[in-house]
Amino acid sequence: MVPGLGVILVGEDPASRSYVTAKEHACGEIGIFSDDNRLPAQTSQKDLLALVHRMNEDPRINGILVQLPLPKHLKEAEVLLAINPDKDVDGFIRSTWGGWSSASGRSSRARRTAWCRCWCAAG
């Protein structure tokens, strides 16, 4: 199985673009599939949530990264809470914390290792 990362960037913040680009490059270097979604700053809450829900259901996507900050008209907490905790790469969802730190959690060691390699490679 090839791990998959779903990336969402809303707007044109230069630092966010640079960060996301580096992560996507790192994914490519180590063989992680990356689904890059760069949306205009005017994207609606409804459209952003629909994309998150699509990624939650996509079996190719094992982790979702919503790049922050979001434009001011978007409700950041609602977007982050819409991410399936099993796919929360950044660990923003409180219920994710136990799974990543516990041997009995739903997240596998292999998946955590893959994400760590991706993050460290681009860091």
PDB file of N, CA and C in Angstrom:
ATOM      1  N   MET A   1       0.829  -1.184   0.000  1.00  0.00           N
ATOM      2  CA  MET A   1       0.000   0.000   0.000  1.00  0.00           C
ATOM      3  C   MET A   1       0.873   1.246   0.000  1.00  0.00           C
ATOM      4  N   VAL A   2       0.528   2.204  -0.832  1.00  0.00           N
ATOM      5  CA  VAL A   2       1.220   3.485  -0.877  1.00  0.00           C
ATOM      6  C   VAL A   2       0.443   4.467  -0.008  1.00  0.00           C
ATOM      7  N   PRO A   3       1.072   5.053   1.028  1.00  0.00           N
ATOM      8  CA  PRO A   3       0.359   6.039   1.843  1.00  0.00           C
ATOM      9  C   PRO A   3      -0.038   7.247   0.994  1.00  0.00           C
ATOM     10  N   GLY A   4      -1.136   7.887   1.365  1.00  0.00           N
ATOM     11  CA  GLY A   4      -1.610   9.058   0.636  1.00  0.00           C
ATOM     12  C   GLY A   4      -1.875  10.225   1.560  1.00  0.00           C
ATOM     13  N   LEU A   5      -1.421  11.393   1.152  1.00  0.00           N
ATOM     14  CA  LEU A   5      -1.614  12.626   1.913  1.00  0.00           C
ATOM     15  C   LEU A   5      -2.506  13.566   1.120  1.00  0.00           C
ATOM     16  N   GLY A   6      -3.612  13.986   1.715  1.00  0.00           N
ATOM     17  CA  GLY A   6      -4.482  14.992   1.124  1.00  0.00           C
ATOM     18  C   GLY A   6      -4.103  16.354   1.678  1.00  0.00           C
ATOM     19  N   VAL A   7      -3.764  17.280   0.804  1.00  0.00           N
ATOM     20  CA  VAL A   7      -3.313  18.607   1.215  1.00  0.00           C
ATOM     21  C   VAL A   7      -4.324  19.648   0.748  1.00  0.00           C
ATOM     22  N   ILE A   8      -4.698  20.546   1.673  1.00  0.00           N
ATOM     23  CA  ILE A   8      -5.613  21.629   1.335  1.00  0.00           C
ATOM     24  C   ILE A   8      -4.955  22.944   1.721  1.00  0.00           C
ATOM     25  N   LEU A   9      -4.809  23.821   0.746  1.00  0.00           N
ATOM     26  CA  LEU A   9      -4.297  25.171   0.964  1.00  0.00           C
ATOM     27  C   LEU A   9      -5.324  26.139   0.402  1.00  0.00           C
ATOM     28  N   VAL A  10      -5.832  27.019   1.258  1.00  0.00           N
ATOM     29  CA  VAL A  10      -6.818  28.005   0.833  1.00  0.00           C
ATOM     30  C   VAL A  10      -6.156  29.380   0.866  1.00  0.00           C
ATOM     31  N   GLY A  11      -6.106  30.039  -0.282  1.00  0.00           N
ATOM     32  CA  GLY A  11      -5.514  31.375  -0.347  1.00  0.00           C
ATOM     33  C   GLY A  11      -4.088  31.347  -0.853  1.00  0.00           C
ATOM     34  N   GLU A  12      -3.447  32.505  -0.754  1.00  0.00           N
ATOM     35  CA  GLU A  12      -2.129  32.697  -1.356  1.00  0.00           C
ATOM     36  C   GLU A  12      -1.057  33.114  -0.361  1.00  0.00           C
ATOM     37  N   ASP A  13      -1.202  32.760   0.910  1.00  0.00           N
ATOM     38  CA  ASP A  13      -0.195  33.137   1.901  1.00  0.00           C
ATOM     39  C   ASP A  13       1.154  32.548   1.478  1.00  0.00           C
ATOM     40  N   PRO A  14       2.176  33.396   1.273  1.00  0.00           N
ATOM     41  CA  PRO A  14       3.470  32.910   0.767  1.00  0.00           C
ATOM     42  C   PRO A  14       4.130  31.864   1.677  1.00  0.00           C
ATOM     43  N   ALA A  15       4.083  32.065   2.980  1.00  0.00           N
ATOM     44  CA  ALA A  15       4.705  31.097   3.895  1.00  0.00           C
ATOM     45  C   ALA A  15       3.967  29.758   3.831  1.00  0.00           C
ATOM     46  N   SER A  16       2.654  29.795   3.763  1.00  0.00           N
ATOM     47  CA  SER A  16       1.867  28.564   3.682  1.00  0.00           C
ATOM     48  C   SER A  16       2.142  27.833   2.374  1.00  0.00           C
ATOM     49  N   ARG A  17       2.231  28.591   1.288  1.00  0.00           N
ATOM     50  CA  ARG A  17       2.525  27.968  -0.016  1.00  0.00           C
ATOM     51  C   ARG A  17       3.877  27.273   0.014  1.00  0.00           C
ATOM     52  N   SER A  18       4.862  27.927   0.598  1.00  0.00           N
ATOM     53  CA  SER A  18       6.208  27.367   0.678  1.00  0.00           C
ATOM     54  C   SER A  18       6.206  26.092   1.521  1.00  0.00           C
ATOM     55  N   TYR A  19       5.524  26.115   2.652  1.00  0.00           N
ATOM     56  CA  TYR A  19       5.459  24.967   3.555  1.00  0.00           C
ATOM     57  C   TYR A  19       4.797  23.776   2.860  1.00  0.00           C
ATOM     58  N   VAL A  20       3.655  24.021   2.235  1.00  0.00           N
ATOM     59  CA  VAL A  20       2.916  22.949   1.565  1.00  0.00           C
ATOM     60  C   VAL A  20       3.724  22.390   0.390  1.00  0.00           C
ATOM     61  N   THR A  21       4.360  23.255  -0.359  1.00  0.00           N
ATOM     62  CA  THR A  21       5.180  22.810  -1.484  1.00  0.00           C
ATOM     63  C   THR A  21       6.317  21.910  -1.003  1.00  0.00           C
ATOM     64  N   ALA A  22       6.952  22.279   0.110  1.00  0.00           N
ATOM     65  CA  ALA A  22       8.036  21.469   0.657  1.00  0.00           C
ATOM     66  C   ALA A  22       7.532  20.099   1.105  1.00  0.00           C
ATOM     67  N   LYS A  23       6.364  20.054   1.733  1.00  0.00           N
ATOM     68  CA  LYS A  23       5.801  18.775   2.175  1.00  0.00           C
ATOM     69  C   LYS A  23       5.453  17.887   0.984  1.00  0.00           C
ATOM     70  N   GLU A  24       4.871  18.470  -0.039  1.00  0.00           N
ATOM     71  CA  GLU A  24       4.524  17.697  -1.228  1.00  0.00           C
ATOM     72  C   GLU A  24       5.775  17.161  -1.913  1.00  0.00           C
ATOM     73  N   HIS A  25       6.811  17.963  -1.982  1.00  0.00           N
ATOM     74  CA  HIS A  25       8.075  17.520  -2.567  1.00  0.00           C
ATOM     75  C   HIS A  25       8.642  16.347  -1.766  1.00  0.00           C
ATOM     76  N   ALA A  26       8.594  16.466  -0.436  1.00  0.00           N
ATOM     77  CA  ALA A  26       9.102  15.388   0.417  1.00  0.00           C
ATOM     78  C   ALA A  26       8.294  14.113   0.215  1.00  0.00           C
ATOM     79  N   CYS A  27       6.985  14.244   0.076  1.00  0.00           N
ATOM     80  CA  CYS A  27       6.148  13.061  -0.174  1.00  0.00           C
ATOM     81  C   CYS A  27       6.599  12.360  -1.455  1.00  0.00           C
ATOM     82  N   GLY A  28       6.836  13.144  -2.492  1.00  0.00           N
ATOM     83  CA  GLY A  28       7.281  12.567  -3.757  1.00  0.00           C
ATOM     84  C   GLY A  28       8.617  11.853  -3.629  1.00  0.00           C
ATOM     85  N   GLU A  29       9.505  12.416  -2.849  1.00  0.00           N
ATOM     86  CA  GLU A  29      10.831  11.822  -2.682  1.00  0.00           C
ATOM     87  C   GLU A  29      10.793  10.468  -1.988  1.00  0.00           C
ATOM     88  N   ILE A  30       9.839  10.279  -1.085  1.00  0.00           N
ATOM     89  CA  ILE A  30       9.808   9.019  -0.339  1.00  0.00           C
ATOM     90  C   ILE A  30       8.646   8.115  -0.755  1.00  0.00           C
ATOM     91  N   GLY A  31       7.945   8.483  -1.829  1.00  0.00           N
ATOM     92  CA  GLY A  31       6.936   7.603  -2.393  1.00  0.00           C
ATOM     93  C   GLY A  31       5.555   7.680  -1.787  1.00  0.00           C
ATOM     94  N   ILE A  32       5.222   8.797  -1.159  1.00  0.00           N
ATOM     95  CA  ILE A  32       3.878   8.992  -0.620  1.00  0.00           C
ATOM     96  C   ILE A  32       3.043   9.731  -1.655  1.00  0.00           C
ATOM     97  N   PHE A  33       1.859   9.202  -1.971  1.00  0.00           N
ATOM     98  CA  PHE A  33       0.923   9.851  -2.885  1.00  0.00           C
ATOM     99  C   PHE A  33       0.450  11.156  -2.252  1.00  0.00           C
ATOM    100  N   SER A  34       0.415  12.241  -3.030  1.00  0.00           N
ATOM    101  CA  SER A  34      -0.045  13.531  -2.525  1.00  0.00           C
ATOM    102  C   SER A  34      -1.167  14.062  -3.411  1.00  0.00           C
ATOM    103  N   ASP A  35      -2.306  14.343  -2.798  1.00  0.00           N
ATOM    104  CA  ASP A  35      -3.458  14.935  -3.478  1.00  0.00           C
ATOM    105  C   ASP A  35      -3.483  16.413  -3.115  1.00  0.00           C
ATOM    106  N   ASP A  36      -2.928  17.243  -3.982  1.00  0.00           N
ATOM    107  CA  ASP A  36      -2.732  18.675  -3.763  1.00  0.00           C
ATOM    108  C   ASP A  36      -3.982  19.452  -4.169  1.00  0.00           C
ATOM    109  N   ASN A  37      -4.544  20.202  -3.219  1.00  0.00           N
ATOM    110  CA  ASN A  37      -5.741  21.006  -3.479  1.00  0.00           C
ATOM    111  C   ASN A  37      -5.482  22.438  -3.052  1.00  0.00           C
ATOM    112  N   ARG A  38      -5.240  23.289  -4.036  1.00  0.00           N
ATOM    113  CA  ARG A  38      -4.995  24.713  -3.770  1.00  0.00           C
ATOM    114  C   ARG A  38      -6.232  25.484  -4.201  1.00  0.00           C
ATOM    115  N   LEU A  39      -6.883  26.074  -3.214  1.00  0.00           N
ATOM    116  CA  LEU A  39      -8.170  26.720  -3.432  1.00  0.00           C
ATOM    117  C   LEU A  39      -8.043  28.230  -3.332  1.00  0.00           C
ATOM    118  N   PRO A  40      -8.898  28.959  -4.045  1.00  0.00           N
ATOM    119  CA  PRO A  40      -8.862  30.418  -3.948  1.00  0.00           C
ATOM    120  C   PRO A  40      -9.287  30.895  -2.556  1.00  0.00           C
ATOM    121  N   ALA A  41      -8.813  32.061  -2.170  1.00  0.00           N
ATOM    122  CA  ALA A  41      -9.126  32.619  -0.852  1.00  0.00           C
ATOM    123  C   ALA A  41     -10.627  32.791  -0.644  1.00  0.00           C
ATOM    124  N   GLN A  42     -11.386  32.928  -1.715  1.00  0.00           N
ATOM    125  CA  GLN A  42     -12.826  33.145  -1.619  1.00  0.00           C
ATOM    126  C   GLN A  42     -13.612  31.848  -1.431  1.00  0.00           C
ATOM    127  N   THR A  43     -12.949  30.713  -1.317  1.00  0.00           N
ATOM    128  CA  THR A  43     -13.629  29.428  -1.158  1.00  0.00           C
ATOM    129  C   THR A  43     -14.611  29.500   0.006  1.00  0.00           C
ATOM    130  N   SER A  44     -15.785  28.934  -0.190  1.00  0.00           N
ATOM    131  CA  SER A  44     -16.812  28.963   0.856  1.00  0.00           C
ATOM    132  C   SER A  44     -16.563  27.869   1.890  1.00  0.00           C
ATOM    133  N   GLN A  45     -17.144  28.052   3.062  1.00  0.00           N
ATOM    134  CA  GLN A  45     -17.082  27.043   4.120  1.00  0.00           C
ATOM    135  C   GLN A  45     -17.672  25.730   3.614  1.00  0.00           C
ATOM    136  N   LYS A  46     -18.783  25.834   2.920  1.00  0.00           N
ATOM    137  CA  LYS A  46     -19.470  24.648   2.398  1.00  0.00           C
ATOM    138  C   LYS A  46     -18.563  23.873   1.440  1.00  0.00           C
ATOM    139  N   ASP A  47     -17.903  24.566   0.524  1.00  0.00           N
ATOM    140  CA  ASP A  47     -17.023  23.903  -0.442  1.00  0.00           C
ATOM    141  C   ASP A  47     -15.800  23.292   0.236  1.00  0.00           C
ATOM    142  N   LEU A  48     -15.252  23.996   1.216  1.00  0.00           N
ATOM    143  CA  LEU A  48     -14.085  23.475   1.929  1.00  0.00           C
ATOM    144  C   LEU A  48     -14.460  22.215   2.716  1.00  0.00           C
ATOM    145  N   LEU A  49     -15.590  22.247   3.403  1.00  0.00           N
ATOM    146  CA  LEU A  49     -16.039  21.074   4.148  1.00  0.00           C
ATOM    147  C   LEU A  49     -16.330  19.898   3.220  1.00  0.00           C
ATOM    148  N   ALA A  50     -16.882  20.183   2.051  1.00  0.00           N
ATOM    149  CA  ALA A  50     -17.150  19.119   1.081  1.00  0.00           C
ATOM    150  C   ALA A  50     -15.847  18.442   0.652  1.00  0.00           C
ATOM    151  N   LEU A  51     -14.787  19.221   0.463  1.00  0.00           N
ATOM    152  CA  LEU A  51     -13.492  18.650   0.094  1.00  0.00           C
ATOM    153  C   LEU A  51     -12.937  17.788   1.230  1.00  0.00           C
ATOM    154  N   VAL A  52     -13.033  18.281   2.463  1.00  0.00           N
ATOM    155  CA  VAL A  52     -12.567  17.497   3.610  1.00  0.00           C
ATOM    156  C   VAL A  52     -13.336  16.176   3.690  1.00  0.00           C
ATOM    157  N   HIS A  53     -14.651  16.232   3.525  1.00  0.00           N
ATOM    158  CA  HIS A  53     -15.460  15.013   3.578  1.00  0.00           C
ATOM    159  C   HIS A  53     -15.094  14.048   2.449  1.00  0.00           C
ATOM    160  N   ARG A  54     -14.812  14.586   1.258  1.00  0.00           N
ATOM    161  CA  ARG A  54     -14.395  13.727   0.144  1.00  0.00           C
ATOM    162  C   ARG A  54     -13.088  13.020   0.485  1.00  0.00           C
ATOM    163  N   MET A  55     -12.143  13.753   1.076  1.00  0.00           N
ATOM    164  CA  MET A  55     -10.866  13.150   1.465  1.00  0.00           C
ATOM    165  C   MET A  55     -11.050  12.118   2.576  1.00  0.00           C
ATOM    166  N   ASN A  56     -11.971  12.390   3.496  1.00  0.00           N
ATOM    167  CA  ASN A  56     -12.257  11.416   4.557  1.00  0.00           C
ATOM    168  C   ASN A  56     -12.700  10.081   3.969  1.00  0.00           C
ATOM    169  N   GLU A  57     -13.435  10.125   2.874  1.00  0.00           N
ATOM    170  CA  GLU A  57     -13.990   8.916   2.260  1.00  0.00           C
ATOM    171  C   GLU A  57     -13.066   8.275   1.230  1.00  0.00           C
ATOM    172  N   ASP A  58     -12.034   8.987   0.804  1.00  0.00           N
ATOM    173  CA  ASP A  58     -11.140   8.500  -0.246  1.00  0.00           C
ATOM    174  C   ASP A  58     -10.151   7.487   0.325  1.00  0.00           C
ATOM    175  N   PRO A  59     -10.211   6.234  -0.106  1.00  0.00           N
ATOM    176  CA  PRO A  59      -9.303   5.219   0.443  1.00  0.00           C
ATOM    177  C   PRO A  59      -7.835   5.448   0.083  1.00  0.00           C
ATOM    178  N   ARG A  60      -7.554   6.277  -0.917  1.00  0.00           N
ATOM    179  CA  ARG A  60      -6.157   6.578  -1.282  1.00  0.00           C
ATOM    180  C   ARG A  60      -5.527   7.559  -0.303  1.00  0.00           C
ATOM    181  N   ILE A  61      -6.359   8.272   0.466  1.00  0.00           N
ATOM    182  CA  ILE A  61      -5.894   9.303   1.391  1.00  0.00           C
ATOM    183  C   ILE A  61      -5.852   8.720   2.798  1.00  0.00           C
ATOM    184  N   ASN A  62      -4.642   8.642   3.374  1.00  0.00           N
ATOM    185  CA  ASN A  62      -4.471   8.155   4.742  1.00  0.00           C
ATOM    186  C   ASN A  62      -4.301   9.280   5.743  1.00  0.00           C
ATOM    187  N   GLY A  63      -3.973  10.463   5.258  1.00  0.00           N
ATOM    188  CA  GLY A  63      -3.774  11.609   6.127  1.00  0.00           C
ATOM    189  C   GLY A  63      -4.203  12.883   5.417  1.00  0.00           C
ATOM    190  N   ILE A  64      -4.747  13.813   6.204  1.00  0.00           N
ATOM    191  CA  ILE A  64      -5.217  15.084   5.655  1.00  0.00           C
ATOM    192  C   ILE A  64      -4.497  16.220   6.356  1.00  0.00           C
ATOM    193  N   LEU A  65      -3.988  17.156   5.554  1.00  0.00           N
ATOM    194  CA  LEU A  65      -3.333  18.358   6.055  1.00  0.00           C
ATOM    195  C   LEU A  65      -4.109  19.565   5.547  1.00  0.00           C
ATOM    196  N   VAL A  66      -4.720  20.309   6.452  1.00  0.00           N
ATOM    197  CA  VAL A  66      -5.339  21.588   6.119  1.00  0.00           C
ATOM    198  C   VAL A  66      -4.368  22.649   6.591  1.00  0.00           C
ATOM    199  N   GLN A  67      -3.785  23.375   5.652  1.00  0.00           N
ATOM    200  CA  GLN A  67      -2.786  24.375   5.997  1.00  0.00           C
ATOM    201  C   GLN A  67      -3.453  25.580   6.651  1.00  0.00           C
ATOM    202  N   LEU A  68      -2.936  25.954   7.810  1.00  0.00           N
ATOM    203  CA  LEU A  68      -3.408  27.130   8.538  1.00  0.00           C
ATOM    204  C   LEU A  68      -2.389  28.245   8.404  1.00  0.00           C
ATOM    205  N   PRO A  69      -2.813  29.487   8.504  1.00  0.00           N
ATOM    206  CA  PRO A  69      -4.173  29.929   8.809  1.00  0.00           C
ATOM    207  C   PRO A  69      -5.070  29.887   7.572  1.00  0.00           C
ATOM    208  N   LEU A  70      -6.360  29.754   7.847  1.00  0.00           N
ATOM    209  CA  LEU A  70      -7.365  29.866   6.791  1.00  0.00           C
ATOM    210  C   LEU A  70      -7.770  31.331   6.670  1.00  0.00           C
ATOM    211  N   PRO A  71      -8.307  31.713   5.517  1.00  0.00           N
ATOM    212  CA  PRO A  71      -8.830  33.074   5.403  1.00  0.00           C
ATOM    213  C   PRO A  71      -9.860  33.354   6.499  1.00  0.00           C
ATOM    214  N   LYS A  72      -9.967  34.599   6.899  1.00  0.00           N
ATOM    215  CA  LYS A  72     -10.762  34.989   8.066  1.00  0.00           C
ATOM    216  C   LYS A  72     -12.237  34.606   7.983  1.00  0.00           C
ATOM    217  N   HIS A  73     -12.810  34.507   6.788  1.00  0.00           N
ATOM    218  CA  HIS A  73     -14.237  34.195   6.683  1.00  0.00           C
ATOM    219  C   HIS A  73     -14.539  32.711   6.918  1.00  0.00           C
ATOM    220  N   LEU A  74     -13.505  31.888   7.012  1.00  0.00           N
ATOM    221  CA  LEU A  74     -13.701  30.451   7.224  1.00  0.00           C
ATOM    222  C   LEU A  74     -13.583  30.101   8.709  1.00  0.00           C
ATOM    223  N   LYS A  75     -14.389  29.150   9.144  1.00  0.00           N
ATOM    224  CA  LYS A  75     -14.404  28.712  10.538  1.00  0.00           C
ATOM    225  C   LYS A  75     -13.420  27.558  10.705  1.00  0.00           C
ATOM    226  N   GLU A  76     -12.237  27.927  11.172  1.00  0.00           N
ATOM    227  CA  GLU A  76     -11.124  26.979  11.278  1.00  0.00           C
ATOM    228  C   GLU A  76     -11.489  25.755  12.122  1.00  0.00           C
ATOM    229  N   ALA A  77     -12.082  25.964  13.292  1.00  0.00           N
ATOM    230  CA  ALA A  77     -12.405  24.855  14.189  1.00  0.00           C
ATOM    231  C   ALA A  77     -13.361  23.863  13.521  1.00  0.00           C
ATOM    232  N   GLU A  78     -14.347  24.373  12.812  1.00  0.00           N
ATOM    233  CA  GLU A  78     -15.300  23.492  12.136  1.00  0.00           C
ATOM    234  C   GLU A  78     -14.612  22.643  11.072  1.00  0.00           C
ATOM    235  N   VAL A  79     -13.690  23.248  10.355  1.00  0.00           N
ATOM    236  CA  VAL A  79     -12.957  22.521   9.316  1.00  0.00           C
ATOM    237  C   VAL A  79     -12.092  21.431   9.946  1.00  0.00           C
ATOM    238  N   LEU A  80     -11.356  21.772  10.988  1.00  0.00           N
ATOM    239  CA  LEU A  80     -10.468  20.798  11.627  1.00  0.00           C
ATOM    240  C   LEU A  80     -11.256  19.651  12.256  1.00  0.00           C
ATOM    241  N   LEU A  81     -12.399  19.962  12.844  1.00  0.00           N
ATOM    242  CA  LEU A  81     -13.223  18.914  13.451  1.00  0.00           C
ATOM    243  C   LEU A  81     -13.874  18.016  12.412  1.00  0.00           C
ATOM    244  N   ALA A  82     -13.947  18.471  11.173  1.00  0.00           N
ATOM    245  CA  ALA A  82     -14.525  17.663  10.097  1.00  0.00           C
ATOM    246  C   ALA A  82     -13.565  16.578   9.625  1.00  0.00           C
ATOM    247  N   ILE A  83     -12.275  16.711   9.945  1.00  0.00           N
ATOM    248  CA  ILE A  83     -11.286  15.710   9.544  1.00  0.00           C
ATOM    249  C   ILE A  83     -11.472  14.452  10.376  1.00  0.00           C
ATOM    250  N   ASN A  84     -11.522  13.310   9.699  1.00  0.00           N
ATOM    251  CA  ASN A  84     -11.588  12.029  10.388  1.00  0.00           C
ATOM    252  C   ASN A  84     -10.361  11.926  11.297  1.00  0.00           C
ATOM    253  N   PRO A  85     -10.534  11.665  12.605  1.00  0.00           N
ATOM    254  CA  PRO A  85      -9.388  11.596  13.513  1.00  0.00           C
ATOM    255  C   PRO A  85      -8.305  10.614  13.062  1.00  0.00           C
ATOM    256  N   ASP A  86      -8.679   9.565  12.342  1.00  0.00           N
ATOM    257  CA  ASP A  86      -7.692   8.615  11.835  1.00  0.00           C
ATOM    258  C   ASP A  86      -6.849   9.200  10.705  1.00  0.00           C
ATOM    259  N   LYS A  87      -7.282  10.339  10.167  1.00  0.00           N
ATOM    260  CA  LYS A  87      -6.567  10.969   9.054  1.00  0.00           C
ATOM    261  C   LYS A  87      -5.997  12.335   9.435  1.00  0.00           C
ATOM    262  N   ASP A  88      -6.016  12.675  10.705  1.00  0.00           N
ATOM    263  CA  ASP A  88      -5.563  13.981  11.185  1.00  0.00           C
ATOM    264  C   ASP A  88      -4.040  13.991  11.323  1.00  0.00           C
ATOM    265  N   VAL A  89      -3.359  14.400  10.266  1.00  0.00           N
ATOM    266  CA  VAL A  89      -1.895  14.379  10.231  1.00  0.00           C
ATOM    267  C   VAL A  89      -1.279  15.322  11.257  1.00  0.00           C
ATOM    268  N   ASP A  90      -1.851  16.503  11.416  1.00  0.00           N
ATOM    269  CA  ASP A  90      -1.278  17.486  12.337  1.00  0.00           C
ATOM    270  C   ASP A  90      -1.602  17.202  13.796  1.00  0.00           C
ATOM    271  N   GLY A  91      -2.565  16.331  14.062  1.00  0.00           N
ATOM    272  CA  GLY A  91      -2.915  16.023  15.443  1.00  0.00           C
ATOM    273  C   GLY A  91      -3.684  17.131  16.135  1.00  0.00           C
ATOM    274  N   PHE A  92      -4.410  17.951  15.367  1.00  0.00           N
ATOM    275  CA  PHE A  92      -5.174  19.041  15.963  1.00  0.00           C
ATOM    276  C   PHE A  92      -6.419  18.552  16.694  1.00  0.00           C
ATOM    277  N   ILE A  93      -6.902  17.385  16.333  1.00  0.00           N
ATOM    278  CA  ILE A  93      -8.117  16.861  16.938  1.00  0.00           C
ATOM    279  C   ILE A  93      -7.732  16.094  18.186  1.00  0.00           C
ATOM    280  N   ARG A  94      -8.265  16.483  19.320  1.00  0.00           N
ATOM    281  CA  ARG A  94      -7.875  15.900  20.607  1.00  0.00           C
ATOM    282  C   ARG A  94      -7.973  14.374  20.613  1.00  0.00           C
ATOM    283  N   SER A  95      -8.990  13.809  19.976  1.00  0.00           N
ATOM    284  CA  SER A  95      -9.152  12.354  19.987  1.00  0.00           C
ATOM    285  C   SER A  95      -8.038  11.652  19.225  1.00  0.00           C
ATOM    286  N   THR A  96      -7.294  12.372  18.415  1.00  0.00           N
ATOM    287  CA  THR A  96      -6.183  11.793  17.656  1.00  0.00           C
ATOM    288  C   THR A  96      -5.007  11.490  18.582  1.00  0.00           C
ATOM    289  N   TRP A  97      -4.818  12.285  19.614  1.00  0.00           N
ATOM    290  CA  TRP A  97      -3.623  12.189  20.444  1.00  0.00           C
ATOM    291  C   TRP A  97      -3.420  10.800  21.018  1.00  0.00           C
ATOM    292  N   GLY A  98      -4.461  10.191  21.551  1.00  0.00           N
ATOM    293  CA  GLY A  98      -4.335   8.865  22.152  1.00  0.00           C
ATOM    294  C   GLY A  98      -3.937   7.818  21.139  1.00  0.00           C
ATOM    295  N   GLY A  99      -4.519   7.856  19.945  1.00  0.00           N
ATOM    296  CA  GLY A  99      -4.225   6.864  18.919  1.00  0.00           C
ATOM    297  C   GLY A  99      -2.795   6.923  18.440  1.00  0.00           C
ATOM    298  N   TRP A 100      -2.205   8.110  18.432  1.00  0.00           N
ATOM    299  CA  TRP A 100      -0.832   8.242  17.947  1.00  0.00           C
ATOM    300  C   TRP A 100       0.168   7.847  19.015  1.00  0.00           C
ATOM    301  N   SER A 101      -0.236   7.939  20.281  1.00  0.00           N
ATOM    302  CA  SER A 101       0.730   7.669  21.340  1.00  0.00           C
ATOM    303  C   SER A 101       0.543   6.295  21.976  1.00  0.00           C
ATOM    304  N   SER A 102      -0.558   5.650  21.703  1.00  0.00           N
ATOM    305  CA  SER A 102      -0.863   4.382  22.347  1.00  0.00           C
ATOM    306  C   SER A 102      -0.615   3.214  21.401  1.00  0.00           C
ATOM    307  N   ALA A 103      -0.018   2.166  21.923  1.00  0.00           N
ATOM    308  CA  ALA A 103       0.210   0.972  21.112  1.00  0.00           C
ATOM    309  C   ALA A 103      -1.109   0.341  20.692  1.00  0.00           C
ATOM    310  N   SER A 104      -2.166   0.584  21.469  1.00  0.00           N
ATOM    311  CA  SER A 104      -3.465   0.010  21.134  1.00  0.00           C
ATOM    312  C   SER A 104      -4.313   0.950  20.293  1.00  0.00           C
ATOM    313  N   GLY A 105      -3.765   2.126  19.921  1.00  0.00           N
ATOM    314  CA  GLY A 105      -4.514   3.098  19.127  1.00  0.00           C
ATOM    315  C   GLY A 105      -4.774   2.599  17.718  1.00  0.00           C
ATOM    316  N   ARG A 106      -5.673   3.270  17.007  1.00  0.00           N
ATOM    317  CA  ARG A 106      -6.066   2.838  15.673  1.00  0.00           C
ATOM    318  C   ARG A 106      -5.009   3.173  14.619  1.00  0.00           C
ATOM    319  N   SER A 107      -4.135   4.132  14.901  1.00  0.00           N
ATOM    320  CA  SER A 107      -3.107   4.494  13.933  1.00  0.00           C
ATOM    321  C   SER A 107      -1.931   3.539  14.056  1.00  0.00           C
ATOM    322  N   SER A 108      -1.474   3.028  12.950  1.00  0.00           N
ATOM    323  CA  SER A 108      -0.385   2.055  12.991  1.00  0.00           C
ATOM    324  C   SER A 108       0.966   2.746  13.109  1.00  0.00           C
ATOM    325  N   ARG A 109       1.925   2.025  13.626  1.00  0.00           N
ATOM    326  CA  ARG A 109       3.284   2.548  13.732  1.00  0.00           C
ATOM    327  C   ARG A 109       3.839   2.874  12.343  1.00  0.00           C
ATOM    328  N   ALA A 110       3.520   2.036  11.362  1.00  0.00           N
ATOM    329  CA  ALA A 110       4.027   2.270   9.999  1.00  0.00           C
ATOM    330  C   ALA A 110       3.499   3.596   9.456  1.00  0.00           C
ATOM    331  N   ARG A 111       2.235   3.897   9.700  1.00  0.00           N
ATOM    332  CA  ARG A 111       1.678   5.152   9.191  1.00  0.00           C
ATOM    333  C   ARG A 111       2.315   6.343   9.889  1.00  0.00           C
ATOM    334  N   ARG A 112       2.483   6.251  11.216  1.00  0.00           N
ATOM    335  CA  ARG A 112       3.122   7.352  11.943  1.00  0.00           C
ATOM    336  C   ARG A 112       4.536   7.566  11.422  1.00  0.00           C
ATOM    337  N   THR A 113       5.247   6.477  11.176  1.00  0.00           N
ATOM    338  CA  THR A 113       6.622   6.576  10.678  1.00  0.00           C
ATOM    339  C   THR A 113       6.656   7.229   9.306  1.00  0.00           C
ATOM    340  N   ALA A 114       5.728   6.859   8.434  1.00  0.00           N
ATOM    341  CA  ALA A 114       5.684   7.454   7.085  1.00  0.00           C
ATOM    342  C   ALA A 114       5.463   8.951   7.177  1.00  0.00           C
ATOM    343  N   TRP A 115       4.519   9.372   8.028  1.00  0.00           N
ATOM    344  CA  TRP A 115       4.270  10.822   8.144  1.00  0.00           C
ATOM    345  C   TRP A 115       5.466  11.536   8.744  1.00  0.00           C
ATOM    346  N   CYS A 116       6.093  10.915   9.724  1.00  0.00           N
ATOM    347  CA  CYS A 116       7.267  11.559  10.324  1.00  0.00           C
ATOM    348  C   CYS A 116       8.380  11.726   9.308  1.00  0.00           C
ATOM    349  N   ARG A 117       8.590  10.722   8.472  1.00  0.00           N
ATOM    350  CA  ARG A 117       9.615  10.831   7.427  1.00  0.00           C
ATOM    351  C   ARG A 117       9.294  11.961   6.465  1.00  0.00           C
ATOM    352  N   CYS A 118       8.032  12.058   6.092  1.00  0.00           N
ATOM    353  CA  CYS A 118       7.616  13.111   5.157  1.00  0.00           C
ATOM    354  C   CYS A 118       7.843  14.482   5.777  1.00  0.00           C
ATOM    355  N   TRP A 119       7.422  14.633   7.028  1.00  0.00           N
ATOM    356  CA  TRP A 119       7.547  15.938   7.688  1.00  0.00           C
ATOM    357  C   TRP A 119       9.005  16.286   7.902  1.00  0.00           C
ATOM    358  N   CYS A 120       9.799  15.325   8.324  1.00  0.00           N
ATOM    359  CA  CYS A 120      11.214  15.593   8.599  1.00  0.00           C
ATOM    360  C   CYS A 120      11.990  15.859   7.318  1.00  0.00           C
ATOM    361  N   ALA A 121      11.661  15.177   6.254  1.00  0.00           N
ATOM    362  CA  ALA A 121      12.371  15.361   4.987  1.00  0.00           C
ATOM    363  C   ALA A 121      12.207  16.766   4.459  1.00  0.00           C
ATOM    364  N   ALA A 122      11.060  17.391   4.728  1.00  0.00           N
ATOM    365  CA  ALA A 122      10.812  18.730   4.200  1.00  0.00           C
ATOM    366  C   ALA A 122      11.086  19.808   5.223  1.00  0.00           C
ATOM    367  N   GLY A 123      11.320  19.411   6.482  1.00  0.00           N
ATOM    368  CA  GLY A 123      11.476  20.345   7.592  1.00  0.00           C
ATOM    369  C   GLY A 123      12.612  21.257   7.433  1.00  0.00           C
TER     370      GLY A 123
END
